[in-house]
PDB file of N, CA and C in Angstrom:
ATOM      1  N   MET A   1      80.198 102.218 112.016  1.00  0.00           N
ATOM      2  CA  MET A   1      80.432 102.365 110.686  1.00  0.00           C
ATOM      3  C   MET A   1      81.038 103.920 110.286  1.00  0.00           C
ATOM      4  N   GLU A   2      82.011 103.901 109.209  1.00  0.00           N
ATOM      5  CA  GLU A   2      82.421 105.172 109.048  1.00  0.00           C
ATOM      6  C   GLU A   2      81.535 105.890 108.274  1.00  0.00           C
ATOM      7  N   VAL A   3      81.343 107.298 108.427  1.00  0.00           N
ATOM      8  CA  VAL A   3      80.470 108.284 108.060  1.00  0.00           C
ATOM      9  C   VAL A   3      81.215 108.738 106.443  1.00  0.00           C
ATOM     10  N   ILE A   4      80.167 108.885 105.515  1.00  0.00           N
ATOM     11  CA  ILE A   4      80.760 109.127 104.403  1.00  0.00           C
ATOM     12  C   ILE A   4      79.966 110.830 104.217  1.00  0.00           C
ATOM     13  N   LYS A   5      80.848 111.498 103.943  1.00  0.00           N
ATOM     14  CA  LYS A   5      80.646 112.839 103.523  1.00  0.00           C
ATOM     15  C   LYS A   5      81.305 113.439 102.546  1.00  0.00           C
ATOM     16  N   ILE A   6      80.697 113.723 101.639  1.00  0.00           N
ATOM     17  CA  ILE A   6      81.061 114.275 100.072  1.00  0.00           C
ATOM     18  C   ILE A   6      80.746 115.611 100.199  1.00  0.00           C
ATOM     19  N   LYS A   7      81.751 116.350 100.047  1.00  0.00           N
ATOM     20  CA  LYS A   7      81.145 117.760  99.725  1.00  0.00           C
ATOM     21  C   LYS A   7      80.914 117.952  98.236  1.00  0.00           C
ATOM     22  N   GLY A   8      79.825 118.478  97.985  1.00  0.00           N
ATOM     23  CA  GLY A   8      79.412 118.735  96.516  1.00  0.00           C
ATOM     24  C   GLY A   8      80.052 119.923  95.588  1.00  0.00           C
ATOM     25  N   THR A   9      80.128 119.613  94.291  1.00  0.00           N
ATOM     26  CA  THR A   9      80.696 120.413  93.579  1.00  0.00           C
ATOM     27  C   THR A   9      79.633 120.825  92.421  1.00  0.00           C
ATOM     28  N   ASP A  10      79.952 121.616  91.368  1.00  0.00           N
ATOM     29  CA  ASP A  10      79.098 121.875  90.092  1.00  0.00           C
ATOM     30  C   ASP A  10      78.575 120.565  89.574  1.00  0.00           C
ATOM     31  N   ASP A  11      79.388 119.739  89.474  1.00  0.00           N
ATOM     32  CA  ASP A  11      79.337 118.261  88.883  1.00  0.00           C
ATOM     33  C   ASP A  11      78.813 117.159  89.969  1.00  0.00           C
ATOM     34  N   THR A  12      79.099 117.287  91.022  1.00  0.00           N
ATOM     35  CA  THR A  12      78.837 116.055  91.995  1.00  0.00           C
ATOM     36  C   THR A  12      77.796 116.454  93.097  1.00  0.00           C
ATOM     37  N   PRO A  13      77.314 115.633  93.704  1.00  0.00           N
ATOM     38  CA  PRO A  13      76.352 115.939  94.673  1.00  0.00           C
ATOM     39  C   PRO A  13      76.922 115.845  96.203  1.00  0.00           C
ATOM     40  N   ASN A  14      76.267 116.712  97.025  1.00  0.00           N
ATOM     41  CA  ASN A  14      76.541 116.501  98.480  1.00  0.00           C
ATOM     42  C   ASN A  14      76.085 115.191  98.687  1.00  0.00           C
ATOM     43  N   VAL A  15      76.735 114.351  99.721  1.00  0.00           N
ATOM     44  CA  VAL A  15      76.336 112.987 100.100  1.00  0.00           C
ATOM     45  C   VAL A  15      76.663 112.961 101.718  1.00  0.00           C
ATOM     46  N   VAL A  16      75.714 112.569 102.395  1.00  0.00           N
ATOM     47  CA  VAL A  16      75.942 112.264 103.592  1.00  0.00           C
ATOM     48  C   VAL A  16      75.245 110.918 103.875  1.00  0.00           C
ATOM     49  N   LEU A  17      75.995 110.166 104.693  1.00  0.00           N
ATOM     50  CA  LEU A  17      75.590 108.695 104.948  1.00  0.00           C
ATOM     51  C   LEU A  17      76.197 108.362 106.562  1.00  0.00           C
ATOM     52  N   ASP A  18      75.286 108.609 107.368  1.00  0.00           N
ATOM     53  CA  ASP A  18      75.886 108.680 108.762  1.00  0.00           C
ATOM     54  C   ASP A  18      74.870 107.634 109.559  1.00  0.00           C
ATOM     55  N   ALA A  19      75.216 106.404 109.797  1.00  0.00           N
ATOM     56  CA  ALA A  19      74.389 105.261 110.367  1.00  0.00           C
ATOM     57  C   ALA A  19      74.087 105.896 111.799  1.00  0.00           C
ATOM     58  N   GLU A  20      75.275 106.511 112.380  1.00  0.00           N
ATOM     59  CA  GLU A  20      74.909 106.959 113.831  1.00  0.00           C
ATOM     60  C   GLU A  20      73.595 107.924 114.069  1.00  0.00           C
ATOM     61  N   THR A  21      73.716 108.983 112.893  1.00  0.00           N
ATOM     62  CA  THR A  21      72.456 110.044 113.197  1.00  0.00           C
ATOM     63  C   THR A  21      71.327 109.687 112.378  1.00  0.00           C
ATOM     64  N   GLY A  22      71.565 108.605 111.569  1.00  0.00           N
ATOM     65  CA  GLY A  22      70.451 108.161 110.689  1.00  0.00           C
ATOM     66  C   GLY A  22      70.358 109.269 109.632  1.00  0.00           C
ATOM     67  N   THR A  23      71.366 110.056 109.191  1.00  0.00           N
ATOM     68  CA  THR A  23      71.289 111.020 108.126  1.00  0.00           C
ATOM     69  C   THR A  23      71.664 110.199 106.746  1.00  0.00           C
ATOM     70  N   PHE A  24      70.771 110.329 106.006  1.00  0.00           N
ATOM     71  CA  PHE A  24      71.125 109.742 104.658  1.00  0.00           C
ATOM     72  C   PHE A  24      70.676 110.853 103.574  1.00  0.00           C
ATOM     73  N   GLU A  25      71.655 111.234 102.743  1.00  0.00           N
ATOM     74  CA  GLU A  25      71.240 112.373 101.881  1.00  0.00           C
ATOM     75  C   GLU A  25      72.036 112.275 100.592  1.00  0.00           C
ATOM     76  N   ILE A  26      71.304 112.510  99.314  1.00  0.00           N
ATOM     77  CA  ILE A  26      72.121 112.728  98.226  1.00  0.00           C
ATOM     78  C   ILE A  26      71.444 114.106  97.482  1.00  0.00           C
ATOM     79  N   SER A  27      72.413 115.323  97.687  1.00  0.00           N
ATOM     80  CA  SER A  27      71.622 116.715  97.227  1.00  0.00           C
ATOM     81  C   SER A  27      72.556 117.310  96.310  1.00  0.00           C
ATOM     82  N   GLY A  28      72.032 118.254  95.456  1.00  0.00           N
ATOM     83  CA  GLY A  28      72.518 118.999  94.553  1.00  0.00           C
ATOM     84  C   GLY A  28      72.455 118.502  93.240  1.00  0.00           C
ATOM     85  N   ARG A  29      73.575 118.648  92.571  1.00  0.00           N
ATOM     86  CA  ARG A  29      73.849 118.255  91.046  1.00  0.00           C
ATOM     87  C   ARG A  29      74.567 117.049  90.877  1.00  0.00           C
ATOM     88  N   SER A  30      74.052 116.079  90.195  1.00  0.00           N
ATOM     89  CA  SER A  30      74.878 114.668  90.036  1.00  0.00           C
ATOM     90  C   SER A  30      75.085 114.507  88.414  1.00  0.00           C
ATOM     91  N   LEU A  31      76.434 114.898  87.956  1.00  0.00           N
ATOM     92  CA  LEU A  31      76.730 114.691  86.444  1.00  0.00           C
ATOM     93  C   LEU A  31      78.199 114.473  86.670  1.00  0.00           C
ATOM     94  N   PRO A  32      78.699 113.669  87.573  1.00  0.00           N
ATOM     95  CA  PRO A  32      80.092 113.365  87.706  1.00  0.00           C
ATOM     96  C   PRO A  32      80.714 112.622  86.369  1.00  0.00           C
ATOM     97  N   GLU A  33      82.157 113.106  85.987  1.00  0.00           N
ATOM     98  CA  GLU A  33      82.682 112.626  84.717  1.00  0.00           C
ATOM     99  C   GLU A  33      82.489 111.242  84.928  1.00  0.00           C
ATOM    100  N   ASP A  34      82.939 110.445  85.940  1.00  0.00           N
ATOM    101  CA  ASP A  34      83.132 109.009  86.106  1.00  0.00           C
ATOM    102  C   ASP A  34      81.992 108.652  87.423  1.00  0.00           C
ATOM    103  N   VAL A  35      80.879 108.570  86.745  1.00  0.00           N
ATOM    104  CA  VAL A  35      79.806 108.254  87.553  1.00  0.00           C
ATOM    105  C   VAL A  35      79.813 106.922  88.366  1.00  0.00           C
ATOM    106  N   ALA A  36      80.454 105.855  87.666  1.00  0.00           N
ATOM    107  CA  ALA A  36      80.443 104.629  88.338  1.00  0.00           C
ATOM    108  C   ALA A  36      81.434 104.847  89.543  1.00  0.00           C
ATOM    109  N   ALA A  37      82.543 105.359  89.417  1.00  0.00           N
ATOM    110  CA  ALA A  37      83.752 105.842  90.378  1.00  0.00           C
ATOM    111  C   ALA A  37      83.118 106.452  91.514  1.00  0.00           C
ATOM    112  N   PHE A  38      82.260 107.588  91.289  1.00  0.00           N
ATOM    113  CA  PHE A  38      81.867 108.251  92.107  1.00  0.00           C
ATOM    114  C   PHE A  38      80.740 107.691  93.030  1.00  0.00           C
ATOM    115  N   TYR A  39      79.771 106.992  92.575  1.00  0.00           N
ATOM    116  CA  TYR A  39      78.954 106.188  93.188  1.00  0.00           C
ATOM    117  C   TYR A  39      79.257 104.700  93.999  1.00  0.00           C
ATOM    118  N   GLU A  40      80.391 104.163  93.527  1.00  0.00           N
ATOM    119  CA  GLU A  40      80.789 103.229  94.017  1.00  0.00           C
ATOM    120  C   GLU A  40      81.055 102.866  95.451  1.00  0.00           C
ATOM    121  N   PRO A  41      81.711 104.000  96.131  1.00  0.00           N
ATOM    122  CA  PRO A  41      81.660 103.790  97.494  1.00  0.00           C
ATOM    123  C   PRO A  41      80.390 104.071  98.224  1.00  0.00           C
ATOM    124  N   ILE A  42      79.481 104.668  97.673  1.00  0.00           N
ATOM    125  CA  ILE A  42      78.361 104.832  98.349  1.00  0.00           C
ATOM    126  C   ILE A  42      77.533 103.376  98.165  1.00  0.00           C
ATOM    127  N   ILE A  43      77.533 102.625  97.126  1.00  0.00           N
ATOM    128  CA  ILE A  43      76.939 101.465  97.065  1.00  0.00           C
ATOM    129  C   ILE A  43      77.576 100.497  98.028  1.00  0.00           C
ATOM    130  N   GLU A  44      79.032 100.424  97.947  1.00  0.00           N
ATOM    131  CA  GLU A  44      79.555  99.608  98.872  1.00  0.00           C
ATOM    132  C   GLU A  44      79.132  99.772 100.320  1.00  0.00           C
ATOM    133  N   TRP A  45      79.203 101.191 100.667  1.00  0.00           N
ATOM    134  CA  TRP A  45      78.880 101.773 102.185  1.00  0.00           C
ATOM    135  C   TRP A  45      77.295 101.037 102.465  1.00  0.00           C
ATOM    136  N   LEU A  46      76.389 101.094 101.435  1.00  0.00           N
ATOM    137  CA  LEU A  46      75.036 100.652 101.865  1.00  0.00           C
ATOM    138  C   LEU A  46      75.069  99.082 101.878  1.00  0.00           C
ATOM    139  N   ASP A  47      75.772  98.473 101.152  1.00  0.00           N
ATOM    140  CA  ASP A  47      75.875  97.202 101.438  1.00  0.00           C
ATOM    141  C   ASP A  47      76.334  96.560 102.659  1.00  0.00           C
ATOM    142  N   LEU A  48      77.243  97.333 103.372  1.00  0.00           N
ATOM    143  CA  LEU A  48      77.872  97.239 104.550  1.00  0.00           C
ATOM    144  C   LEU A  48      76.596  97.531 105.782  1.00  0.00           C
ATOM    145  N   TYR A  49      76.177  98.742 105.593  1.00  0.00           N
ATOM    146  CA  TYR A  49      75.007  99.246 106.388  1.00  0.00           C
ATOM    147  C   TYR A  49      73.716  98.355 106.415  1.00  0.00           C
ATOM    148  N   ALA A  50      73.525  97.820 105.077  1.00  0.00           N
ATOM    149  CA  ALA A  50      72.280  96.801 105.059  1.00  0.00           C
ATOM    150  C   ALA A  50      72.491  95.259 106.038  1.00  0.00           C
ATOM    151  N   LYS A  51      73.917  95.041 106.660  1.00  0.00           N
ATOM    152  CA  LYS A  51      73.961  93.944 107.325  1.00  0.00           C
ATOM    153  C   LYS A  51      73.540  94.202 108.798  1.00  0.00           C
ATOM    154  N   SER A  52      73.238  95.427 109.365  1.00  0.00           N
ATOM    155  CA  SER A  52      72.872  95.968 110.454  1.00  0.00           C
ATOM    156  C   SER A  52      72.187  97.203 110.705  1.00  0.00           C
ATOM    157  N   PRO A  53      71.278  97.604 109.712  1.00  0.00           N
ATOM    158  CA  PRO A  53      70.791  98.784 109.725  1.00  0.00           C
ATOM    159  C   PRO A  53      69.835  99.320 110.942  1.00  0.00           C
ATOM    160  N   MET A  54      69.618 100.499 110.714  1.00  0.00           N
ATOM    161  CA  MET A  54      68.795 101.395 112.069  1.00  0.00           C
ATOM    162  C   MET A  54      67.461 100.586 112.093  1.00  0.00           C
ATOM    163  N   ALA A  55      66.604 100.841 112.891  1.00  0.00           N
ATOM    164  CA  ALA A  55      65.381 100.432 113.284  1.00  0.00           C
ATOM    165  C   ALA A  55      64.477 100.949 111.729  1.00  0.00           C
ATOM    166  N   LYS A  56      64.645 102.311 111.604  1.00  0.00           N
ATOM    167  CA  LYS A  56      64.040 102.882 110.336  1.00  0.00           C
ATOM    168  C   LYS A  56      65.195 103.548 109.637  1.00  0.00           C
ATOM    169  N   THR A  57      65.336 103.302 108.366  1.00  0.00           N
ATOM    170  CA  THR A  57      66.180 104.089 107.396  1.00  0.00           C
ATOM    171  C   THR A  57      65.451 105.037 106.700  1.00  0.00           C
ATOM    172  N   VAL A  58      65.677 106.465 106.680  1.00  0.00           N
ATOM    173  CA  VAL A  58      65.178 107.436 105.910  1.00  0.00           C
ATOM    174  C   VAL A  58      66.212 108.238 104.918  1.00  0.00           C
ATOM    175  N   PHE A  59      65.983 108.005 103.786  1.00  0.00           N
ATOM    176  CA  PHE A  59      67.058 108.631 102.721  1.00  0.00           C
ATOM    177  C   PHE A  59      66.266 109.687 101.967  1.00  0.00           C
ATOM    178  N   ASP A  60      66.876 110.969 101.865  1.00  0.00           N
ATOM    179  CA  ASP A  60      66.589 112.028 101.405  1.00  0.00           C
ATOM    180  C   ASP A  60      67.397 112.204 100.038  1.00  0.00           C
ATOM    181  N   PHE A  61      66.775 112.378  99.180  1.00  0.00           N
ATOM    182  CA  PHE A  61      66.996 112.522  97.695  1.00  0.00           C
ATOM    183  C   PHE A  61      66.949 114.375  97.342  1.00  0.00           C
ATOM    184  N   LYS A  62      67.801 115.224  97.254  1.00  0.00           N
ATOM    185  CA  LYS A  62      67.527 116.618  97.226  1.00  0.00           C
ATOM    186  C   LYS A  62      68.055 117.076  95.769  1.00  0.00           C
ATOM    187  N   LEU A  63      67.965 116.426  94.740  1.00  0.00           N
ATOM    188  CA  LEU A  63      68.696 116.795  93.545  1.00  0.00           C
ATOM    189  C   LEU A  63      67.984 117.870  92.836  1.00  0.00           C
ATOM    190  N   GLU A  64      68.992 118.689  92.237  1.00  0.00           N
ATOM    191  CA  GLU A  64      68.431 119.849  91.420  1.00  0.00           C
ATOM    192  C   GLU A  64      68.443 119.322  90.020  1.00  0.00           C
ATOM    193  N   TYR A  65      69.496 118.395  89.761  1.00  0.00           N
ATOM    194  CA  TYR A  65      69.614 117.964  88.577  1.00  0.00           C
ATOM    195  C   TYR A  65      70.427 116.728  88.436  1.00  0.00           C
ATOM    196  N   PHE A  66      70.136 115.596  87.499  1.00  0.00           N
ATOM    197  CA  PHE A  66      71.044 114.612  87.547  1.00  0.00           C
ATOM    198  C   PHE A  66      71.164 114.113  85.918  1.00  0.00           C
ATOM    199  N   ASN A  67      72.148 113.666  85.484  1.00  0.00           N
ATOM    200  CA  ASN A  67      72.210 113.312  83.956  1.00  0.00           C
ATOM    201  C   ASN A  67      71.876 111.790  83.951  1.00  0.00           C
ATOM    202  N   THR A  68      71.698 111.464  82.664  1.00  0.00           N
ATOM    203  CA  THR A  68      71.390 109.929  82.348  1.00  0.00           C
ATOM    204  C   THR A  68      72.283 108.911  82.909  1.00  0.00           C
ATOM    205  N   ALA A  69      73.572 109.021  82.973  1.00  0.00           N
ATOM    206  CA  ALA A  69      74.798 108.199  83.603  1.00  0.00           C
ATOM    207  C   ALA A  69      74.227 108.153  84.914  1.00  0.00           C
ATOM    208  N   SER A  70      73.807 109.259  85.949  1.00  0.00           N
ATOM    209  CA  SER A  70      73.814 109.325  87.272  1.00  0.00           C
ATOM    210  C   SER A  70      72.412 108.620  87.605  1.00  0.00           C
ATOM    211  N   SER A  71      71.179 108.567  86.625  1.00  0.00           N
ATOM    212  CA  SER A  71      69.923 108.167  86.815  1.00  0.00           C
ATOM    213  C   SER A  71      70.189 106.656  87.065  1.00  0.00           C
ATOM    214  N   LYS A  72      70.984 105.865  86.475  1.00  0.00           N
ATOM    215  CA  LYS A  72      71.351 104.477  86.979  1.00  0.00           C
ATOM    216  C   LYS A  72      71.809 104.107  88.131  1.00  0.00           C
ATOM    217  N   LEU A  73      72.779 104.996  88.355  1.00  0.00           N
ATOM    218  CA  LEU A  73      73.530 104.663  89.574  1.00  0.00           C
ATOM    219  C   LEU A  73      72.343 105.141  90.673  1.00  0.00           C
ATOM    220  N   LEU A  74      71.558 106.017  90.526  1.00  0.00           N
ATOM    221  CA  LEU A  74      70.662 106.439  91.934  1.00  0.00           C
ATOM    222  C   LEU A  74      69.697 105.350  91.837  1.00  0.00           C
ATOM    223  N   LEU A  75      69.370 104.525  90.699  1.00  0.00           N
ATOM    224  CA  LEU A  75      68.532 103.459  90.874  1.00  0.00           C
ATOM    225  C   LEU A  75      69.143 102.348  91.688  1.00  0.00           C
ATOM    226  N   ASP A  76      70.568 102.038  91.539  1.00  0.00           N
ATOM    227  CA  ASP A  76      71.206 101.131  92.070  1.00  0.00           C
ATOM    228  C   ASP A  76      70.983 101.518  93.591  1.00  0.00           C
ATOM    229  N   VAL A  77      71.242 102.863  94.092  1.00  0.00           N
ATOM    230  CA  VAL A  77      70.844 103.270  95.372  1.00  0.00           C
ATOM    231  C   VAL A  77      69.515 102.666  96.096  1.00  0.00           C
ATOM    232  N   LEU A  78      68.536 102.985  95.019  1.00  0.00           N
ATOM    233  CA  LEU A  78      67.309 102.668  95.293  1.00  0.00           C
ATOM    234  C   LEU A  78      67.000 101.135  95.606  1.00  0.00           C
ATOM    235  N   LEU A  79      67.522 100.284  94.852  1.00  0.00           N
ATOM    236  CA  LEU A  79      67.618  98.826  94.786  1.00  0.00           C
ATOM    237  C   LEU A  79      68.074  98.378  96.338  1.00  0.00           C
ATOM    238  N   LYS A  80      69.347  98.969  96.529  1.00  0.00           N
ATOM    239  CA  LYS A  80      69.895  98.531  97.796  1.00  0.00           C
ATOM    240  C   LYS A  80      68.935  98.936  98.944  1.00  0.00           C
ATOM    241  N   LEU A  81      68.253 100.010  98.995  1.00  0.00           N
ATOM    242  CA  LEU A  81      67.090 100.198 100.028  1.00  0.00           C
ATOM    243  C   LEU A  81      66.104  99.308  99.708  1.00  0.00           C
ATOM    244  N   GLU A  82      65.514  98.990  98.337  1.00  0.00           N
ATOM    245  CA  GLU A  82      64.555  97.991  98.341  1.00  0.00           C
ATOM    246  C   GLU A  82      64.718  96.555  99.013  1.00  0.00           C
ATOM    247  N   ASP A  83      66.215  96.148  98.871  1.00  0.00           N
ATOM    248  CA  ASP A  83      66.674  94.975  99.421  1.00  0.00           C
ATOM    249  C   ASP A  83      66.444  94.979 100.968  1.00  0.00           C
ATOM    250  N   MET A  84      66.746  96.167 101.762  1.00  0.00           N
ATOM    251  CA  MET A  84      66.804  96.219 103.265  1.00  0.00           C
ATOM    252  C   MET A  84      65.282  96.018 103.548  1.00  0.00           C
ATOM    253  N   ALA A  85      64.190  96.864 102.760  1.00  0.00           N
ATOM    254  CA  ALA A  85      62.906  96.796 102.920  1.00  0.00           C
ATOM    255  C   ALA A  85      62.496  95.399 102.745  1.00  0.00           C
ATOM    256  N   ASP A  86      62.939  94.582 101.706  1.00  0.00           N
ATOM    257  CA  ASP A  86      62.764  93.238 101.658  1.00  0.00           C
ATOM    258  C   ASP A  86      62.999  92.150 102.774  1.00  0.00           C
ATOM    259  N   ASP A  87      64.088  92.705 103.598  1.00  0.00           N
ATOM    260  CA  ASP A  87      64.751  91.811 104.419  1.00  0.00           C
ATOM    261  C   ASP A  87      64.026  92.390 105.917  1.00  0.00           C
ATOM    262  N   GLY A  88      62.800  92.985 105.810  1.00  0.00           N
ATOM    263  CA  GLY A  88      62.201  93.263 106.788  1.00  0.00           C
ATOM    264  C   GLY A  88      62.145  94.548 107.533  1.00  0.00           C
ATOM    265  N   ASN A  89      63.313  95.311 106.825  1.00  0.00           N
ATOM    266  CA  ASN A  89      63.537  96.721 107.718  1.00  0.00           C
ATOM    267  C   ASN A  89      62.974  97.850 107.136  1.00  0.00           C
ATOM    268  N   GLU A  90      62.588  98.797 108.030  1.00  0.00           N
ATOM    269  CA  GLU A  90      61.636 100.047 107.780  1.00  0.00           C
ATOM    270  C   GLU A  90      62.361 100.769 107.002  1.00  0.00           C
ATOM    271  N   VAL A  91      61.913 101.275 105.802  1.00  0.00           N
ATOM    272  CA  VAL A  91      62.590 102.073 104.753  1.00  0.00           C
ATOM    273  C   VAL A  91      61.661 103.362 104.251  1.00  0.00           C
ATOM    274  N   LEU A  92      62.126 104.380 104.464  1.00  0.00           N
ATOM    275  CA  LEU A  92      61.358 105.399 103.397  1.00  0.00           C
ATOM    276  C   LEU A  92      62.504 106.443 102.793  1.00  0.00           C
ATOM    277  N   VAL A  93      61.818 106.511 101.720  1.00  0.00           N
ATOM    278  CA  VAL A  93      62.605 107.359 100.687  1.00  0.00           C
ATOM    279  C   VAL A  93      61.827 108.658 100.538  1.00  0.00           C
ATOM    280  N   ARG A  94      62.567 109.768 100.770  1.00  0.00           N
ATOM    281  CA  ARG A  94      61.935 111.228 100.479  1.00  0.00           C
ATOM    282  C   ARG A  94      62.571 111.934  99.219  1.00  0.00           C
ATOM    283  N   TRP A  95      61.619 112.091  98.319  1.00  0.00           N
ATOM    284  CA  TRP A  95      62.193 112.417  97.093  1.00  0.00           C
ATOM    285  C   TRP A  95      61.723 114.009  97.004  1.00  0.00           C
ATOM    286  N   HIS A  96      62.600 114.969  97.327  1.00  0.00           N
ATOM    287  CA  HIS A  96      62.556 116.369  97.457  1.00  0.00           C
ATOM    288  C   HIS A  96      62.577 117.055  95.808  1.00  0.00           C
ATOM    289  N   TYR A  97      61.827 117.907  95.255  1.00  0.00           N
ATOM    290  CA  TYR A  97      61.893 118.466  94.170  1.00  0.00           C
ATOM    291  C   TYR A  97      61.465 119.864  94.326  1.00  0.00           C
ATOM    292  N   PRO A  98      61.658 120.909  93.493  1.00  0.00           N
ATOM    293  CA  PRO A  98      61.302 122.073  93.592  1.00  0.00           C
ATOM    294  C   PRO A  98      59.710 122.201  92.870  1.00  0.00           C
ATOM    295  N   ASP A  99      58.966 123.009  93.634  1.00  0.00           N
ATOM    296  CA  ASP A  99      57.544 122.731  93.204  1.00  0.00           C
ATOM    297  C   ASP A  99      57.108 123.134  91.549  1.00  0.00           C
ATOM    298  N   ASP A 100      58.348 123.732  91.009  1.00  0.00           N
ATOM    299  CA  ASP A 100      58.232 124.470  89.568  1.00  0.00           C
ATOM    300  C   ASP A 100      58.757 123.511  88.579  1.00  0.00           C
ATOM    301  N   ASP A 101      59.157 122.119  89.073  1.00  0.00           N
ATOM    302  CA  ASP A 101      60.236 121.325  88.606  1.00  0.00           C
ATOM    303  C   ASP A 101      59.504 119.942  88.229  1.00  0.00           C
ATOM    304  N   GLU A 102      58.699 120.077  87.081  1.00  0.00           N
ATOM    305  CA  GLU A 102      57.791 118.758  86.523  1.00  0.00           C
ATOM    306  C   GLU A 102      58.748 117.533  86.319  1.00  0.00           C
ATOM    307  N   ASP A 103      59.990 117.678  85.907  1.00  0.00           N
ATOM    308  CA  ASP A 103      60.739 116.847  85.519  1.00  0.00           C
ATOM    309  C   ASP A 103      61.152 116.030  86.587  1.00  0.00           C
ATOM    310  N   MET A 104      61.697 116.764  87.712  1.00  0.00           N
ATOM    311  CA  MET A 104      62.367 116.005  88.832  1.00  0.00           C
ATOM    312  C   MET A 104      61.159 115.329  89.653  1.00  0.00           C
ATOM    313  N   GLN A 105      59.926 116.044  89.590  1.00  0.00           N
ATOM    314  CA  GLN A 105      58.860 115.327  90.197  1.00  0.00           C
ATOM    315  C   GLN A 105      58.623 114.150  89.582  1.00  0.00           C
ATOM    316  N   GLU A 106      58.640 113.845  88.174  1.00  0.00           N
ATOM    317  CA  GLU A 106      58.180 112.902  87.488  1.00  0.00           C
ATOM    318  C   GLU A 106      59.392 111.956  87.656  1.00  0.00           C
ATOM    319  N   ALA A 107      60.434 112.119  87.656  1.00  0.00           N
ATOM    320  CA  ALA A 107      61.480 111.293  88.039  1.00  0.00           C
ATOM    321  C   ALA A 107      61.288 110.627  89.244  1.00  0.00           C
ATOM    322  N   GLY A 108      61.111 111.164  90.309  1.00  0.00           N
ATOM    323  CA  GLY A 108      60.851 110.717  91.531  1.00  0.00           C
ATOM    324  C   GLY A 108      59.578 109.518  91.392  1.00  0.00           C
ATOM    325  N   GLU A 109      58.491 109.969  90.659  1.00  0.00           N
ATOM    326  CA  GLU A 109      57.453 109.191  90.657  1.00  0.00           C
ATOM    327  C   GLU A 109      57.764 108.052  89.725  1.00  0.00           C
ATOM    328  N   GLU A 110      58.675 108.231  88.743  1.00  0.00           N
ATOM    329  CA  GLU A 110      59.172 106.984  87.962  1.00  0.00           C
ATOM    330  C   GLU A 110      59.937 105.824  88.882  1.00  0.00           C
ATOM    331  N   TYR A 111      60.735 106.439  89.790  1.00  0.00           N
ATOM    332  CA  TYR A 111      61.459 105.874  90.634  1.00  0.00           C
ATOM    333  C   TYR A 111      60.743 104.835  91.739  1.00  0.00           C
ATOM    334  N   ALA A 112      59.732 105.733  92.221  1.00  0.00           N
ATOM    335  CA  ALA A 112      58.685 105.096  92.989  1.00  0.00           C
ATOM    336  C   ALA A 112      57.968 103.923  92.419  1.00  0.00           C
ATOM    337  N   ASP A 113      57.675 103.932  91.070  1.00  0.00           N
ATOM    338  CA  ASP A 113      56.990 102.718  90.430  1.00  0.00           C
ATOM    339  C   ASP A 113      58.112 101.799  90.333  1.00  0.00           C
ATOM    340  N   ILE A 114      59.206 101.750  90.150  1.00  0.00           N
ATOM    341  CA  ILE A 114      60.176 100.790  89.827  1.00  0.00           C
ATOM    342  C   ILE A 114      60.660 100.099  91.085  1.00  0.00           C
ATOM    343  N   VAL A 115      60.936 100.587  92.310  1.00  0.00           N
ATOM    344  CA  VAL A 115      61.149 100.092  93.343  1.00  0.00           C
ATOM    345  C   VAL A 115      60.133 100.151  94.325  1.00  0.00           C
ATOM    346  N   ASP A 116      60.168  98.955  95.204  1.00  0.00           N
ATOM    347  CA  ASP A 116      58.942  98.656  96.201  1.00  0.00           C
ATOM    348  C   ASP A 116      59.501  99.173  97.616  1.00  0.00           C
ATOM    349  N   VAL A 117      59.491 100.328  97.558  1.00  0.00           N
ATOM    350  CA  VAL A 117      60.026 101.008  98.819  1.00  0.00           C
ATOM    351  C   VAL A 117      58.689 102.131  99.132  1.00  0.00           C
ATOM    352  N   PRO A 118      58.398 102.501 100.500  1.00  0.00           N
ATOM    353  CA  PRO A 118      57.516 103.522 100.576  1.00  0.00           C
ATOM    354  C   PRO A 118      58.299 105.053 100.134  1.00  0.00           C
ATOM    355  N   PHE A 119      57.753 105.640  99.373  1.00  0.00           N
ATOM    356  CA  PHE A 119      58.083 106.974  98.822  1.00  0.00           C
ATOM    357  C   PHE A 119      57.167 108.181  99.218  1.00  0.00           C
ATOM    358  N   GLU A 120      57.886 109.146  99.668  1.00  0.00           N
ATOM    359  CA  GLU A 120      57.248 110.545  99.812  1.00  0.00           C
ATOM    360  C   GLU A 120      57.702 111.515  98.898  1.00  0.00           C
ATOM    361  N   GLN A 121      56.639 111.988  98.210  1.00  0.00           N
ATOM    362  CA  GLN A 121      57.248 113.129  96.970  1.00  0.00           C
ATOM    363  C   GLN A 121      57.042 114.482  98.032  1.00  0.00           C
ATOM    364  N   VAL A 122      58.233 115.495  98.184  1.00  0.00           N
ATOM    365  CA  VAL A 122      58.046 116.508  98.777  1.00  0.00           C
ATOM    366  C   VAL A 122      58.461 117.464  97.980  1.00  0.00           C
ATOM    367  N   SER A 123      57.320 118.392  97.863  1.00  0.00           N
ATOM    368  CA  SER A 123      57.694 119.586  96.924  1.00  0.00           C
ATOM    369  C   SER A 123      58.325 120.879  97.943  1.00  0.00           C
ATOM    370  N   TYR A 124      59.135 121.850  97.251  1.00  0.00           N
ATOM    371  CA  TYR A 124      59.551 122.806  98.148  1.00  0.00           C
ATOM    372  C   TYR A 124      59.456 124.194  96.942  1.00  0.00           C
ATOM    373  N   THR A 125      59.296 125.251  97.779  1.00  0.00           N
ATOM    374  CA  THR A 125      59.592 126.333  96.694  1.00  0.00           C
ATOM    375  C   THR A 125      61.084 126.959  96.797  1.00  0.00           C
ATOM    376  N   VAL A 126      61.268 127.405  95.662  1.00  0.00           N
ATOM    377  CA  VAL A 126      62.759 127.782  95.597  1.00  0.00           C
ATOM    378  C   VAL A 126      62.473 129.271  95.451  1.00  0.00           C
ATOM    379  N   ASP A 127      63.343 129.798  96.554  1.00  0.00           N
ATOM    380  CA  ASP A 127      63.498 131.394  96.652  1.00  0.00           C
ATOM    381  C   ASP A 127      64.192 132.289  95.632  1.00  0.00           C
TER     382      ASP A 127
END
């Protein structure tokens, strides 16, 4: 499968989707002008990946900020992971958040309540 690597900007997150190495990550800030166009290739890639996923898929979300429009598309990504889990594949979501950012922590908790996928909340200290 083709690797997706999108370099983040002030408004778009870094994205790495690499089936060979098992690296799946969205990090940074997500407030793209056209959120649907930004996330469409990610959703399509996950659809292809779901046809023959790795034995274990670990997806890291390391977002500093995301807007309301992005929250819906992030849920779409999580629902794709839920579909993979429902098909009997091992899936883990790691939701990283700064230890002083209650909003980002709560966002992860809310997503964990919505989708039926194992979730790990990972706090980190911002230097």
